[in-house]
Amino acid sequence: MADQRHDGSRKRTVALAATAIAAMIPSLLLPLAPAAAQMLCSKPLQPLCSTDLQNVTDATERDRCVSDTDKYLDELRSYRDCLQTALEKADESLKRGEGFKSCLDSGRKDCSLKNDGDL
């Protein structure tokens, strides 16, 4: 009988903890919202075999290293492309910002900075 009450209490505690965690998730994601509008480029990890070929002792390991290196090079190209795109978007945002400041400096009252959220 005591074991059943203990199990029920534990289930309620787990359920409450899960509910509390679920309630916190949206607030944890809020700081990420501005970053989500930005381009996120992930630098790939270099294959382990590329730092120490002495550990590659047979043909199978060498083939695996070649395969890992091919994958790394593909990911590195994608990373470079992502960075280039992010740089182009940053340049566009900079130009829009400079145009906005120029408008403000001219004394106009209809100045606005639009579409800066897609950097």
Protein backbone atom coordinates (compact mmCIF):
# COMPACT_ATOMS: atom_id res chain seq x y z
CA MET A 1 0.00 0.00 0.00
CA ALA A 2 2.77 2.42 0.90
CA ASP A 3 4.58 1.52 -2.32
CA GLN A 4 1.49 2.40 -4.37
CA ARG A 5 1.24 5.82 -2.69
CA HIS A 6 4.92 6.37 -3.29
CA ASP A 7 4.55 5.45 -6.98
CA GLY A 8 1.57 7.81 -7.35
CA SER A 9 3.48 10.60 -5.66
CA ARG A 10 6.47 10.02 -7.92
CA LYS A 11 4.23 10.05 -11.01
CA ARG A 12 2.68 13.35 -9.90
CA THR A 13 6.14 14.82 -9.30
CA VAL A 14 7.34 13.73 -12.73
CA ALA A 15 4.18 15.10 -14.34
CA LEU A 16 4.60 18.44 -12.54
CA ALA A 17 8.24 18.64 -13.53
CA ALA A 18 7.40 17.88 -17.15
CA THR A 19 4.67 20.53 -17.12
CA ALA A 20 7.06 23.09 -15.61
CA ILE A 21 9.71 22.33 -18.21
CA ALA A 22 7.17 22.53 -21.03
CA ALA A 23 6.02 25.90 -19.70
CA MET A 24 9.59 27.22 -19.64
CA ILE A 25 10.49 26.22 -23.20
CA PRO A 26 8.87 29.24 -24.92
CA SER A 27 10.66 31.65 -22.60
CA LEU A 28 13.96 29.88 -23.23
CA LEU A 29 13.49 30.28 -26.97
CA LEU A 30 12.68 34.00 -26.84
CA PRO A 31 16.31 35.11 -26.72
CA LEU A 32 16.90 33.03 -29.85
CA ALA A 33 14.20 34.74 -31.89
CA PRO A 34 16.40 37.58 -33.22
CA ALA A 35 19.14 35.07 -34.03
CA ALA A 36 16.66 32.97 -35.98
CA ALA A 37 16.24 35.88 -38.38
CA GLN A 38 19.99 35.88 -38.89
CA MET A 39 21.83 33.41 -41.03
CA LEU A 40 23.44 30.71 -38.95
CA CYS A 41 26.53 29.19 -40.53
CA SER A 42 27.98 26.13 -38.84
CA LYS A 43 31.65 25.45 -39.32
CA PRO A 44 32.14 21.74 -40.01
CA LEU A 45 34.31 19.57 -37.83
CA GLN A 46 37.60 18.46 -39.31
CA PRO A 47 37.90 14.67 -39.68
CA LEU A 48 39.83 13.10 -36.84
CA CYS A 49 42.01 11.13 -39.25
CA SER A 50 43.26 14.39 -40.78
CA THR A 51 45.15 15.27 -37.62
CA ASP A 52 46.92 11.94 -37.13
CA LEU A 53 47.28 9.58 -40.06
CA GLN A 54 49.44 7.32 -37.89
CA ASN A 55 46.19 5.93 -36.48
CA VAL A 56 45.06 4.92 -39.98
CA THR A 57 46.65 1.50 -40.14
CA ASP A 58 44.76 -0.41 -42.82
CA ALA A 59 42.97 0.09 -46.14
CA THR A 60 39.51 0.15 -44.55
CA GLU A 61 40.51 2.96 -42.18
CA ARG A 62 42.14 4.84 -45.06
CA ASP A 63 38.97 4.50 -47.16
CA ARG A 64 36.95 5.78 -44.21
CA CYS A 65 39.33 8.72 -43.88
CA VAL A 66 38.95 9.54 -47.59
CA SER A 67 35.16 9.37 -47.23
CA ASP A 68 35.21 11.55 -44.10
CA THR A 69 37.47 14.05 -45.88
CA ASP A 70 35.15 14.20 -48.90
CA LYS A 71 32.21 14.88 -46.60
CA TYR A 72 34.23 17.52 -44.73
CA LEU A 73 35.14 19.29 -47.98
CA ASP A 74 31.47 19.33 -49.07
CA GLU A 75 30.46 20.76 -45.69
CA LEU A 76 33.30 23.29 -45.84
CA ARG A 77 32.08 24.49 -49.25
CA SER A 78 28.56 24.87 -47.87
CA TYR A 79 29.95 26.77 -44.89
CA ARG A 80 31.85 29.12 -47.20
CA ASP A 81 28.71 29.69 -49.29
CA CYS A 82 26.71 30.41 -46.14
CA LEU A 83 29.30 32.94 -44.97
CA GLN A 84 29.35 34.61 -48.39
CA THR A 85 25.56 34.91 -48.37
CA ALA A 86 25.60 36.30 -44.83
CA LEU A 87 28.24 38.85 -45.84
CA GLU A 88 26.19 39.93 -48.86
CA LYS A 89 23.12 40.38 -46.66
CA ALA A 90 25.19 42.35 -44.14
CA ASP A 91 26.45 44.62 -46.92
CA GLU A 92 22.86 45.19 -48.09
CA SER A 93 21.78 46.03 -44.53
CA LEU A 94 24.71 48.38 -44.13
CA LYS A 95 23.75 50.22 -47.33
CA ARG A 96 20.14 50.51 -46.15
CA GLY A 97 21.34 51.81 -42.79
CA GLU A 98 23.61 54.36 -44.42
CA GLY A 99 20.75 55.49 -46.66
CA PHE A 100 18.52 55.86 -43.61
CA LYS A 101 21.14 57.95 -41.79
CA SER A 102 21.64 60.09 -44.88
CA CYS A 103 17.89 60.67 -44.98
CA LEU A 104 17.87 61.66 -41.31
CA ASP A 105 20.86 63.98 -41.81
CA SER A 106 19.02 65.73 -44.64
CA GLY A 107 16.22 66.64 -42.25
CA ARG A 108 13.50 64.71 -44.05
CA LYS A 109 10.62 63.48 -41.94
CA ASP A 110 9.66 60.46 -44.05
CA CYS A 111 12.78 58.36 -43.40
CA SER A 112 12.46 54.68 -42.62
CA LEU A 113 14.67 51.65 -42.46
CA LYS A 114 12.82 48.70 -43.93
CA ASN A 115 13.63 45.04 -44.36
CA ASP A 116 16.57 45.07 -41.97
CA GLY A 117 15.28 41.98 -40.18
CA ASP A 118 16.43 39.60 -42.90
CA LEU A 119 20.15 39.89 -42.21
